[in-house]
Amino acid sequence: MWLVSYGGQVNAVAPEATAVAQRDSVLKAIYLTGWDGPHEEPGPRLAWIRDFYRAVYADSGGVPVPGTVSDGSFINYPDTDLADPALNTSGTPWQTLYYKGHYARLQDIKARWDPRNEFHHALSIRPRATAP
C-alpha cells in the first residue's frame, strides 16, 4: 500500500469542474503488486492484493464507496476489479466509484467529442445508448 498526500489546492477545485470528482480527500491509497516476469505465476500475488484491498473496504462491500470514510476511486489508477460484481459487492457501480454523481455529465461530453466511441477502454465513459 502506498499512501500519497492529496488535498490542499486539489480540494479547492469544484468536483464538477473536471472529470476527477474526488475533491474532499487528504490521502490517496494505492494498492500495488508485481511479479518477476513470465516465469512467475501472478496468481498468488494478485489474490493477496485483492484480499487485502477487500479487507480494507470490508465495511462497504470490498470497495471504497464514496461517503464519510472514502471518497471513491481515482480514475488515473483504473482497476477493472471494481467493475466485477464478484469483487465489488457494494451494490455501487464502478461509474459511481470513479465519477460519483458526474457520470451523466461526462457521457454528454463524450457524446459531443467522441460520438463514435473511438477512444475507449474497460473503464471509459460509455455512450448513453450502451451505458450500463
N, C-alpha and C. Protein backbone atom coordinates (compact mmCIF):
# COMPACT_ATOMS: atom_id res chain seq x y z
N MET A 1 0.86 -1.17 0.00
CA MET A 1 0.00 0.00 0.00
C MET A 1 0.90 1.23 0.00
N TRP A 2 0.56 2.14 -0.86
CA TRP A 2 1.31 3.38 -0.97
C TRP A 2 0.33 4.50 -0.67
N LEU A 3 0.64 5.33 0.33
CA LEU A 3 -0.21 6.47 0.68
C LEU A 3 0.43 7.73 0.12
N VAL A 4 -0.36 8.47 -0.65
CA VAL A 4 0.11 9.67 -1.32
C VAL A 4 -0.69 10.84 -0.79
N SER A 5 -0.01 11.91 -0.42
CA SER A 5 -0.74 13.09 0.05
C SER A 5 -1.57 13.65 -1.10
N TYR A 6 -2.73 14.11 -0.74
CA TYR A 6 -3.68 14.61 -1.72
C TYR A 6 -4.57 15.58 -0.97
N GLY A 7 -4.87 16.66 -1.53
CA GLY A 7 -5.70 17.65 -0.84
C GLY A 7 -5.16 19.02 -1.10
N GLY A 8 -5.23 19.90 -0.13
CA GLY A 8 -4.76 21.25 -0.31
C GLY A 8 -5.47 21.92 -1.46
N GLN A 9 -4.71 22.43 -2.42
CA GLN A 9 -5.29 23.11 -3.58
C GLN A 9 -6.11 22.15 -4.46
N VAL A 10 -5.81 20.85 -4.42
CA VAL A 10 -6.62 19.89 -5.17
C VAL A 10 -8.07 20.01 -4.74
N ASN A 11 -8.28 20.18 -3.44
CA ASN A 11 -9.64 20.27 -2.90
C ASN A 11 -10.28 21.64 -3.13
N ALA A 12 -9.52 22.58 -3.62
CA ALA A 12 -10.08 23.91 -3.89
C ALA A 12 -10.86 23.93 -5.21
N VAL A 13 -10.65 22.92 -6.05
CA VAL A 13 -11.35 22.82 -7.34
C VAL A 13 -12.70 22.16 -7.09
N ALA A 14 -13.74 22.69 -7.69
CA ALA A 14 -15.07 22.12 -7.54
C ALA A 14 -15.12 20.72 -8.14
N PRO A 15 -15.79 19.78 -7.50
CA PRO A 15 -15.85 18.41 -8.03
C PRO A 15 -16.40 18.32 -9.45
N GLU A 16 -17.29 19.22 -9.82
CA GLU A 16 -17.86 19.16 -11.16
C GLU A 16 -17.02 19.90 -12.21
N ALA A 17 -15.91 20.52 -11.80
CA ALA A 17 -15.08 21.29 -12.73
C ALA A 17 -14.23 20.41 -13.64
N THR A 18 -13.96 19.19 -13.23
CA THR A 18 -13.14 18.27 -14.03
C THR A 18 -13.76 16.88 -13.96
N ALA A 19 -13.14 15.91 -14.62
CA ALA A 19 -13.61 14.52 -14.55
C ALA A 19 -13.25 13.88 -13.21
N VAL A 20 -12.35 14.50 -12.46
CA VAL A 20 -11.94 13.95 -11.16
C VAL A 20 -12.86 14.51 -10.08
N ALA A 21 -13.72 13.65 -9.55
CA ALA A 21 -14.71 14.08 -8.56
C ALA A 21 -14.18 14.08 -7.14
N GLN A 22 -13.04 13.44 -6.91
CA GLN A 22 -12.50 13.34 -5.56
C GLN A 22 -11.83 14.66 -5.16
N ARG A 23 -12.57 15.51 -4.48
CA ARG A 23 -12.09 16.84 -4.10
C ARG A 23 -12.29 17.08 -2.61
N ASP A 24 -12.35 16.01 -1.84
CA ASP A 24 -12.55 16.13 -0.39
C ASP A 24 -11.68 15.09 0.31
N SER A 25 -10.42 15.00 -0.09
CA SER A 25 -9.53 13.96 0.42
C SER A 25 -8.23 14.57 0.94
N VAL A 26 -7.56 13.81 1.78
CA VAL A 26 -6.24 14.21 2.24
C VAL A 26 -5.17 13.21 1.81
N LEU A 27 -5.60 11.98 1.48
CA LEU A 27 -4.67 10.94 1.04
C LEU A 27 -5.29 10.12 -0.08
N LYS A 28 -4.42 9.58 -0.92
CA LYS A 28 -4.83 8.54 -1.87
C LYS A 28 -4.11 7.27 -1.43
N ALA A 29 -4.83 6.17 -1.40
CA ALA A 29 -4.24 4.87 -1.10
C ALA A 29 -4.11 4.12 -2.42
N ILE A 30 -2.91 3.69 -2.72
CA ILE A 30 -2.64 2.97 -3.96
C ILE A 30 -2.19 1.57 -3.59
N TYR A 31 -2.84 0.59 -4.17
CA TYR A 31 -2.55 -0.81 -3.88
C TYR A 31 -1.80 -1.40 -5.06
N LEU A 32 -0.62 -1.94 -4.80
CA LEU A 32 0.25 -2.42 -5.87
C LEU A 32 0.76 -3.83 -5.57
N THR A 33 0.97 -4.57 -6.61
CA THR A 33 1.69 -5.83 -6.51
C THR A 33 2.44 -6.01 -7.82
N GLY A 34 3.31 -6.96 -7.85
CA GLY A 34 4.06 -7.22 -9.07
C GLY A 34 4.63 -8.62 -9.03
N TRP A 35 5.20 -9.01 -10.14
CA TRP A 35 5.86 -10.30 -10.22
C TRP A 35 7.05 -10.16 -11.14
N ASP A 36 7.94 -11.13 -11.09
CA ASP A 36 9.24 -11.01 -11.75
C ASP A 36 9.25 -11.23 -13.25
N GLY A 37 8.21 -11.72 -13.80
CA GLY A 37 8.19 -11.91 -15.24
C GLY A 37 7.38 -13.12 -15.63
N PRO A 38 7.52 -13.53 -16.88
CA PRO A 38 6.67 -14.61 -17.39
C PRO A 38 6.90 -15.96 -16.69
N HIS A 39 8.04 -16.13 -16.04
CA HIS A 39 8.30 -17.40 -15.36
C HIS A 39 7.62 -17.49 -14.00
N GLU A 40 7.15 -16.37 -13.48
CA GLU A 40 6.48 -16.37 -12.18
C GLU A 40 4.97 -16.27 -12.37
N GLU A 41 4.24 -17.08 -11.67
CA GLU A 41 2.77 -17.07 -11.73
C GLU A 41 2.24 -15.89 -10.93
N PRO A 42 1.47 -14.98 -11.54
CA PRO A 42 0.96 -13.81 -10.81
C PRO A 42 -0.19 -14.15 -9.85
N GLY A 43 -0.81 -15.30 -10.01
CA GLY A 43 -2.00 -15.65 -9.24
C GLY A 43 -1.90 -15.42 -7.73
N PRO A 44 -0.88 -15.97 -7.06
CA PRO A 44 -0.81 -15.77 -5.60
C PRO A 44 -0.67 -14.32 -5.18
N ARG A 45 0.12 -13.55 -5.89
CA ARG A 45 0.30 -12.13 -5.53
C ARG A 45 -0.95 -11.33 -5.83
N LEU A 46 -1.58 -11.62 -6.94
CA LEU A 46 -2.82 -10.93 -7.29
C LEU A 46 -3.92 -11.28 -6.28
N ALA A 47 -4.01 -12.54 -5.89
CA ALA A 47 -5.00 -12.95 -4.90
C ALA A 47 -4.75 -12.25 -3.57
N TRP A 48 -3.48 -12.13 -3.17
CA TRP A 48 -3.15 -11.48 -1.90
C TRP A 48 -3.58 -10.01 -1.91
N ILE A 49 -3.25 -9.28 -2.98
CA ILE A 49 -3.58 -7.85 -3.01
C ILE A 49 -5.08 -7.65 -3.10
N ARG A 50 -5.77 -8.51 -3.83
CA ARG A 50 -7.23 -8.42 -3.88
C ARG A 50 -7.85 -8.66 -2.51
N ASP A 51 -7.37 -9.65 -1.80
CA ASP A 51 -7.88 -9.94 -0.46
C ASP A 51 -7.60 -8.78 0.49
N PHE A 52 -6.41 -8.21 0.40
CA PHE A 52 -6.05 -7.07 1.25
C PHE A 52 -6.96 -5.87 0.97
N TYR A 53 -7.14 -5.56 -0.30
CA TYR A 53 -7.99 -4.44 -0.73
C TYR A 53 -9.41 -4.63 -0.20
N ARG A 54 -9.96 -5.81 -0.41
CA ARG A 54 -11.33 -6.09 0.05
C ARG A 54 -11.42 -6.01 1.57
N ALA A 55 -10.38 -6.40 2.28
CA ALA A 55 -10.39 -6.32 3.75
C ALA A 55 -10.39 -4.87 4.22
N VAL A 56 -9.61 -4.02 3.55
CA VAL A 56 -9.57 -2.61 3.93
C VAL A 56 -10.96 -1.98 3.79
N TYR A 57 -11.69 -2.37 2.74
CA TYR A 57 -13.00 -1.79 2.47
C TYR A 57 -14.14 -2.77 2.78
N ALA A 58 -13.92 -3.65 3.72
CA ALA A 58 -14.92 -4.68 4.05
C ALA A 58 -16.26 -4.08 4.47
N ASP A 59 -16.24 -2.95 5.15
CA ASP A 59 -17.49 -2.34 5.62
C ASP A 59 -18.33 -1.75 4.50
N SER A 60 -17.76 -1.61 3.31
CA SER A 60 -18.52 -1.04 2.18
C SER A 60 -18.47 -1.95 0.95
N GLY A 61 -18.56 -3.25 1.18
CA GLY A 61 -18.65 -4.19 0.06
C GLY A 61 -17.36 -4.43 -0.67
N GLY A 62 -16.22 -4.20 -0.02
CA GLY A 62 -14.93 -4.51 -0.62
C GLY A 62 -14.35 -3.45 -1.52
N VAL A 63 -15.02 -2.28 -1.60
CA VAL A 63 -14.55 -1.20 -2.46
C VAL A 63 -14.75 0.14 -1.74
N PRO A 64 -14.01 1.19 -2.14
CA PRO A 64 -14.13 2.49 -1.47
C PRO A 64 -15.35 3.30 -1.92
N VAL A 65 -16.50 2.94 -1.42
CA VAL A 65 -17.73 3.65 -1.77
C VAL A 65 -17.64 5.09 -1.25
N PRO A 66 -17.95 6.08 -2.10
CA PRO A 66 -17.91 7.47 -1.62
C PRO A 66 -18.85 7.66 -0.43
N GLY A 67 -18.36 8.32 0.59
CA GLY A 67 -19.15 8.56 1.79
C GLY A 67 -18.32 9.28 2.83
N THR A 68 -18.55 8.99 4.08
CA THR A 68 -17.85 9.70 5.16
C THR A 68 -16.42 9.22 5.36
N VAL A 69 -16.11 7.98 4.95
CA VAL A 69 -14.77 7.43 5.16
C VAL A 69 -13.92 7.49 3.89
N SER A 70 -14.49 7.14 2.78
CA SER A 70 -13.77 7.11 1.50
C SER A 70 -14.41 8.11 0.53
N ASP A 71 -13.64 8.50 -0.48
CA ASP A 71 -14.15 9.43 -1.48
C ASP A 71 -14.20 8.78 -2.87
N GLY A 72 -14.26 7.45 -2.89
CA GLY A 72 -14.32 6.75 -4.16
C GLY A 72 -12.95 6.38 -4.66
N SER A 73 -12.84 6.21 -5.96
CA SER A 73 -11.60 5.77 -6.60
C SER A 73 -11.14 6.81 -7.62
N PHE A 74 -9.84 6.85 -7.83
CA PHE A 74 -9.21 7.83 -8.71
C PHE A 74 -9.02 7.19 -10.08
N ILE A 75 -9.65 7.72 -11.11
CA ILE A 75 -9.65 7.09 -12.43
C ILE A 75 -8.26 7.01 -13.05
N ASN A 76 -7.31 7.82 -12.60
CA ASN A 76 -5.95 7.72 -13.14
C ASN A 76 -5.25 6.44 -12.71
N TYR A 77 -5.84 5.71 -11.76
CA TYR A 77 -5.35 4.39 -11.37
C TYR A 77 -6.48 3.40 -11.61
N PRO A 78 -6.83 3.12 -12.87
CA PRO A 78 -8.00 2.29 -13.15
C PRO A 78 -7.81 0.85 -12.68
N ASP A 79 -8.87 0.28 -12.17
CA ASP A 79 -8.86 -1.09 -11.65
C ASP A 79 -10.13 -1.78 -12.11
N THR A 80 -10.01 -2.66 -13.09
CA THR A 80 -11.19 -3.33 -13.64
C THR A 80 -11.87 -4.24 -12.62
N ASP A 81 -11.21 -4.56 -11.53
CA ASP A 81 -11.87 -5.34 -10.47
C ASP A 81 -13.09 -4.61 -9.94
N LEU A 82 -13.09 -3.28 -9.98
CA LEU A 82 -14.22 -2.51 -9.46
C LEU A 82 -15.48 -2.69 -10.30
N ALA A 83 -15.33 -3.15 -11.54
CA ALA A 83 -16.48 -3.41 -12.41
C ALA A 83 -16.91 -4.88 -12.34
N ASP A 84 -16.25 -5.66 -11.54
CA ASP A 84 -16.56 -7.09 -11.41
C ASP A 84 -17.46 -7.31 -10.20
N PRO A 85 -18.72 -7.71 -10.41
CA PRO A 85 -19.64 -7.87 -9.28
C PRO A 85 -19.20 -8.94 -8.27
N ALA A 86 -18.31 -9.84 -8.67
CA ALA A 86 -17.79 -10.82 -7.72
C ALA A 86 -16.81 -10.18 -6.74
N LEU A 87 -16.16 -9.09 -7.16
CA LEU A 87 -15.18 -8.41 -6.31
C LEU A 87 -15.74 -7.11 -5.72
N ASN A 88 -16.67 -6.49 -6.41
CA ASN A 88 -17.34 -5.29 -5.90
C ASN A 88 -18.75 -5.71 -5.48
N THR A 89 -18.89 -6.01 -4.21
CA THR A 89 -20.19 -6.46 -3.70
C THR A 89 -20.94 -5.34 -3.00
N SER A 90 -20.55 -4.11 -3.25
CA SER A 90 -21.13 -2.95 -2.57
C SER A 90 -22.51 -2.57 -3.12
N GLY A 91 -22.81 -2.97 -4.33
CA GLY A 91 -24.02 -2.50 -4.99
C GLY A 91 -23.83 -1.14 -5.63
N THR A 92 -22.65 -0.58 -5.50
CA THR A 92 -22.32 0.73 -6.10
C THR A 92 -21.58 0.47 -7.41
N PRO A 93 -22.11 0.96 -8.52
CA PRO A 93 -21.44 0.70 -9.81
C PRO A 93 -20.08 1.39 -9.89
N TRP A 94 -19.21 0.82 -10.72
CA TRP A 94 -17.87 1.37 -10.86
C TRP A 94 -17.91 2.82 -11.29
N GLN A 95 -18.91 3.22 -12.10
CA GLN A 95 -19.01 4.60 -12.55
C GLN A 95 -19.15 5.55 -11.37
N THR A 96 -19.88 5.16 -10.36
CA THR A 96 -20.06 6.00 -9.16
C THR A 96 -18.79 6.02 -8.33
N LEU A 97 -18.09 4.89 -8.26
CA LEU A 97 -16.83 4.85 -7.50
C LEU A 97 -15.83 5.84 -8.08
N TYR A 98 -15.78 5.93 -9.40
CA TYR A 98 -14.82 6.82 -10.04
C TYR A 98 -15.32 8.25 -10.23
N TYR A 99 -16.57 8.41 -10.63
CA TYR A 99 -17.07 9.72 -11.05
C TYR A 99 -18.15 10.29 -10.14
N LYS A 100 -18.54 9.53 -9.12
CA LYS A 100 -19.61 9.92 -8.20
C LYS A 100 -20.84 10.33 -9.01
N GLY A 101 -21.42 11.47 -8.77
CA GLY A 101 -22.65 11.86 -9.45
C GLY A 101 -22.45 12.55 -10.78
N HIS A 102 -21.25 12.51 -11.33
CA HIS A 102 -20.92 13.26 -12.53
C HIS A 102 -20.91 12.43 -13.81
N TYR A 103 -21.27 11.17 -13.72
CA TYR A 103 -21.15 10.29 -14.88
C TYR A 103 -22.03 10.75 -16.05
N ALA A 104 -23.28 11.11 -15.80
CA ALA A 104 -24.18 11.54 -16.87
C ALA A 104 -23.61 12.77 -17.59
N ARG A 105 -23.06 13.71 -16.85
CA ARG A 105 -22.46 14.90 -17.47
C ARG A 105 -21.27 14.51 -18.35
N LEU A 106 -20.48 13.55 -17.88
CA LEU A 106 -19.34 13.09 -18.67
C LEU A 106 -19.80 12.33 -19.91
N GLN A 107 -20.93 11.65 -19.83
CA GLN A 107 -21.49 11.00 -21.02
C GLN A 107 -21.90 12.04 -22.06
N ASP A 108 -22.43 13.17 -21.60
CA ASP A 108 -22.78 14.25 -22.53
C ASP A 108 -21.53 14.78 -23.22
N ILE A 109 -20.46 14.94 -22.48
CA ILE A 109 -19.19 15.40 -23.05
C ILE A 109 -18.65 14.38 -24.03
N LYS A 110 -18.73 13.11 -23.65
CA LYS A 110 -18.29 12.02 -24.55
C LYS A 110 -19.09 12.07 -25.86
N ALA A 111 -20.40 12.25 -25.77
CA ALA A 111 -21.25 12.29 -26.97
C ALA A 111 -20.84 13.43 -27.90
N ARG A 112 -20.43 14.53 -27.31
CA ARG A 112 -20.04 15.68 -28.14
C ARG A 112 -18.68 15.48 -28.80
N TRP A 113 -17.69 15.01 -28.04
CA TRP A 113 -16.32 14.97 -28.52
C TRP A 113 -15.88 13.61 -29.07
N ASP A 114 -16.59 12.56 -28.75
CA ASP A 114 -16.24 11.22 -29.24
C ASP A 114 -17.52 10.44 -29.55
N PRO A 115 -18.35 10.94 -30.46
CA PRO A 115 -19.65 10.32 -30.71
C PRO A 115 -19.57 8.89 -31.24
N ARG A 116 -18.46 8.52 -31.86
CA ARG A 116 -18.31 7.15 -32.37
C ARG A 116 -17.60 6.24 -31.38
N ASN A 117 -17.29 6.75 -30.20
CA ASN A 117 -16.63 5.97 -29.14
C ASN A 117 -15.30 5.38 -29.61
N GLU A 118 -14.54 6.22 -30.31
CA GLU A 118 -13.22 5.79 -30.81
C GLU A 118 -12.23 5.58 -29.68
N PHE A 119 -12.33 6.41 -28.65
CA PHE A 119 -11.39 6.35 -27.53
C PHE A 119 -12.08 5.64 -26.37
N HIS A 120 -11.68 4.43 -26.12
CA HIS A 120 -12.34 3.66 -25.07
C HIS A 120 -11.40 2.62 -24.47
N HIS A 121 -11.74 2.21 -23.28
CA HIS A 121 -11.04 1.13 -22.57
C HIS A 121 -12.07 0.52 -21.62
N ALA A 122 -11.67 -0.43 -20.83
CA ALA A 122 -12.61 -1.18 -19.98
C ALA A 122 -13.39 -0.29 -19.01
N LEU A 123 -12.81 0.83 -18.58
CA LEU A 123 -13.48 1.70 -17.61
C LEU A 123 -13.72 3.11 -18.16
N SER A 124 -13.78 3.23 -19.47
CA SER A 124 -14.01 4.56 -20.03
C SER A 124 -15.49 4.94 -19.95
N ILE A 125 -15.73 6.21 -20.15
CA ILE A 125 -17.11 6.71 -20.19
C ILE A 125 -17.80 6.03 -21.37
N ARG A 126 -18.97 5.46 -21.10
CA ARG A 126 -19.72 4.76 -22.13
C ARG A 126 -20.73 5.71 -22.77
N PRO A 127 -20.94 5.58 -24.08
CA PRO A 127 -22.04 6.35 -24.69
C PRO A 127 -23.35 5.97 -24.01
N ARG A 128 -24.28 6.89 -23.93
CA ARG A 128 -25.55 6.64 -23.24
C ARG A 128 -26.27 5.40 -23.74
N ALA A 129 -26.27 5.17 -25.03
CA ALA A 129 -27.04 4.04 -25.58
C ALA A 129 -26.54 2.70 -25.04
N THR A 130 -25.24 2.62 -24.67
CA THR A 130 -24.69 1.37 -24.19
C THR A 130 -24.28 1.43 -22.73
N ALA A 131 -24.60 2.52 -22.05
CA ALA A 131 -24.21 2.66 -20.65
C ALA A 131 -24.95 1.64 -19.80
N PRO A 132 -24.21 1.00 -18.88
CA PRO A 132 -24.87 0.02 -18.00
C PRO A 132 -25.80 0.69 -17.01
